[in-house]
Amino acid sequence: MVPFFEKLLADGAIHEYEIDTEALHSTDPGMLFVVYITANADGLDKANAALREALKSNPLIGPTFGSMVDFSMHRDYLARTTVTYK
């Protein structure tokens, strides 16, 4: 995931990304959180297009990632803010 997000960062599609785990586990200790920040909906569209292209160009990425992830606990969260990111 890091090379994927680093490319999005270098291209300016995203402003920040994080791959986090909980320091104090209130959920499954194997859980991780992937977060990224875009300036607007265009950045989100670019990130989604890059993900689709990555999956298309390497068909083993999806099954490999899917074999390591339990999607039964999957949640999406989309937030909009007017805060300035520095």
C-alpha atoms as a PDB file:
ATOM      1  CA  MET A   1       0.000   0.000   0.000  1.00  0.00           C
ATOM      2  CA  VAL A   2       2.840   2.397   0.752  1.00  0.00           C
ATOM      3  CA  PRO A   3       4.186   2.621  -2.842  1.00  0.00           C
ATOM      4  CA  PHE A   4       0.629   3.183  -4.108  1.00  0.00           C
ATOM      5  CA  PHE A   5      -0.002   6.040  -1.677  1.00  0.00           C
ATOM      6  CA  GLU A   6       3.475   7.527  -2.172  1.00  0.00           C
ATOM      7  CA  LYS A   7       2.750   7.784  -5.913  1.00  0.00           C
ATOM      8  CA  LEU A   8      -0.588   9.492  -5.226  1.00  0.00           C
ATOM      9  CA  LEU A   9       1.199  11.864  -2.863  1.00  0.00           C
ATOM     10  CA  ALA A  10       3.914  12.665  -5.445  1.00  0.00           C
ATOM     11  CA  ASP A  11       1.264  13.211  -8.135  1.00  0.00           C
ATOM     12  CA  GLY A  12      -0.619  15.646  -5.881  1.00  0.00           C
ATOM     13  CA  ALA A  13      -3.818  13.579  -5.884  1.00  0.00           C
ATOM     14  CA  ILE A  14      -3.683  13.274  -2.071  1.00  0.00           C
ATOM     15  CA  HIS A  15      -2.167  15.483   0.627  1.00  0.00           C
ATOM     16  CA  GLU A  16      -1.601  12.879   3.319  1.00  0.00           C
ATOM     17  CA  TYR A  17      -2.103   9.212   4.025  1.00  0.00           C
ATOM     18  CA  GLU A  18      -1.834   7.063   7.118  1.00  0.00           C
ATOM     19  CA  ILE A  19      -1.858   3.352   7.766  1.00  0.00           C
ATOM     20  CA  ASP A  20      -2.646   3.092  11.461  1.00  0.00           C
ATOM     21  CA  THR A  21      -3.186   0.497  14.145  1.00  0.00           C
ATOM     22  CA  GLU A  22      -4.611   1.042  17.611  1.00  0.00           C
ATOM     23  CA  ALA A  23      -2.078   1.506  20.416  1.00  0.00           C
ATOM     24  CA  LEU A  24      -4.694   0.313  22.912  1.00  0.00           C
ATOM     25  CA  HIS A  25      -6.836  -2.314  21.281  1.00  0.00           C
ATOM     26  CA  SER A  26     -10.551  -1.748  21.623  1.00  0.00           C
ATOM     27  CA  THR A  27     -11.107  -3.918  18.535  1.00  0.00           C
ATOM     28  CA  ASP A  28      -9.338  -6.867  16.909  1.00  0.00           C
ATOM     29  CA  PRO A  29      -5.539  -6.432  17.370  1.00  0.00           C
ATOM     30  CA  GLY A  30      -5.039  -7.269  13.689  1.00  0.00           C
ATOM     31  CA  MET A  31      -7.216  -4.354  12.544  1.00  0.00           C
ATOM     32  CA  LEU A  32      -5.679  -1.495  10.612  1.00  0.00           C
ATOM     33  CA  PHE A  33      -6.989   1.804   9.364  1.00  0.00           C
ATOM     34  CA  VAL A  34      -6.150   3.348   5.987  1.00  0.00           C
ATOM     35  CA  VAL A  35      -6.816   7.078   5.793  1.00  0.00           C
ATOM     36  CA  TYR A  36      -6.020   9.592   3.073  1.00  0.00           C
ATOM     37  CA  ILE A  37      -6.817  13.271   2.600  1.00  0.00           C
ATOM     38  CA  THR A  38      -7.632  14.976  -0.702  1.00  0.00           C
ATOM     39  CA  ALA A  39      -8.246  18.660  -1.377  1.00  0.00           C
ATOM     40  CA  ASN A  40     -11.563  18.024  -3.091  1.00  0.00           C
ATOM     41  CA  ALA A  41     -13.701  15.440  -4.861  1.00  0.00           C
ATOM     42  CA  ASP A  42     -11.362  15.538  -7.868  1.00  0.00           C
ATOM     43  CA  GLY A  43      -8.553  14.165  -5.687  1.00  0.00           C
ATOM     44  CA  LEU A  44     -10.843  11.384  -4.486  1.00  0.00           C
ATOM     45  CA  ASP A  45     -11.723  10.567  -8.106  1.00  0.00           C
ATOM     46  CA  LYS A  46      -7.999  10.449  -9.000  1.00  0.00           C
ATOM     47  CA  ALA A  47      -7.251   8.130  -6.069  1.00  0.00           C
ATOM     48  CA  ASN A  48     -10.122   5.811  -7.032  1.00  0.00           C
ATOM     49  CA  ALA A  49      -9.004   5.797 -10.689  1.00  0.00           C
ATOM     50  CA  ALA A  50      -5.435   4.970  -9.639  1.00  0.00           C
ATOM     51  CA  LEU A  51      -6.721   2.082  -7.511  1.00  0.00           C
ATOM     52  CA  ARG A  52      -8.795   0.728 -10.394  1.00  0.00           C
ATOM     53  CA  GLU A  53      -5.755   0.968 -12.691  1.00  0.00           C
ATOM     54  CA  ALA A  54      -3.513  -0.787 -10.144  1.00  0.00           C
ATOM     55  CA  LEU A  55      -6.003  -3.635  -9.823  1.00  0.00           C
ATOM     56  CA  LYS A  56      -6.366  -3.863 -13.605  1.00  0.00           C
ATOM     57  CA  SER A  57      -2.616  -3.788 -14.339  1.00  0.00           C
ATOM     58  CA  ASN A  58      -1.800  -6.452 -11.743  1.00  0.00           C
ATOM     59  CA  PRO A  59      -4.700  -8.892 -11.407  1.00  0.00           C
ATOM     60  CA  LEU A  60      -3.091 -10.654  -8.424  1.00  0.00           C
ATOM     61  CA  ILE A  61      -3.274  -7.589  -6.157  1.00  0.00           C
ATOM     62  CA  GLY A  62      -6.996  -7.958  -5.424  1.00  0.00           C
ATOM     63  CA  PRO A  63      -6.969 -11.667  -4.528  1.00  0.00           C
ATOM     64  CA  THR A  64      -3.723 -11.287  -2.546  1.00  0.00           C
ATOM     65  CA  PHE A  65      -5.039  -8.374  -0.506  1.00  0.00           C
ATOM     66  CA  GLY A  66      -8.424 -10.072  -0.161  1.00  0.00           C
ATOM     67  CA  SER A  67      -6.808 -13.203   1.266  1.00  0.00           C
ATOM     68  CA  MET A  68      -5.326 -11.144   4.109  1.00  0.00           C
ATOM     69  CA  VAL A  69      -8.390  -9.051   4.949  1.00  0.00           C
ATOM     70  CA  ASP A  70     -11.619  -9.963   6.682  1.00  0.00           C
ATOM     71  CA  PHE A  71     -14.132  -7.747   4.892  1.00  0.00           C
ATOM     72  CA  SER A  72     -16.975  -8.706   7.242  1.00  0.00           C
ATOM     73  CA  MET A  73     -15.895  -5.794   9.471  1.00  0.00           C
ATOM     74  CA  HIS A  74     -15.387  -3.385   6.546  1.00  0.00           C
ATOM     75  CA  ARG A  75     -16.478   0.205   7.089  1.00  0.00           C
ATOM     76  CA  ASP A  76     -16.110   3.308   4.917  1.00  0.00           C
ATOM     77  CA  TYR A  77     -16.036   6.789   6.308  1.00  0.00           C
ATOM     78  CA  LEU A  78     -16.134   9.927   4.187  1.00  0.00           C
ATOM     79  CA  ALA A  79     -15.803  13.274   5.906  1.00  0.00           C
ATOM     80  CA  ARG A  80     -15.850  16.808   4.578  1.00  0.00           C
ATOM     81  CA  THR A  81     -14.182  19.615   6.498  1.00  0.00           C
ATOM     82  CA  THR A  82     -13.387  23.280   6.016  1.00  0.00           C
ATOM     83  CA  VAL A  83     -10.222  23.062   8.099  1.00  0.00           C
ATOM     84  CA  THR A  84      -6.990  24.102   6.411  1.00  0.00           C
ATOM     85  CA  TYR A  85      -4.437  21.304   6.247  1.00  0.00           C
ATOM     86  CA  LYS A  86      -0.855  22.437   6.917  1.00  0.00           C
END
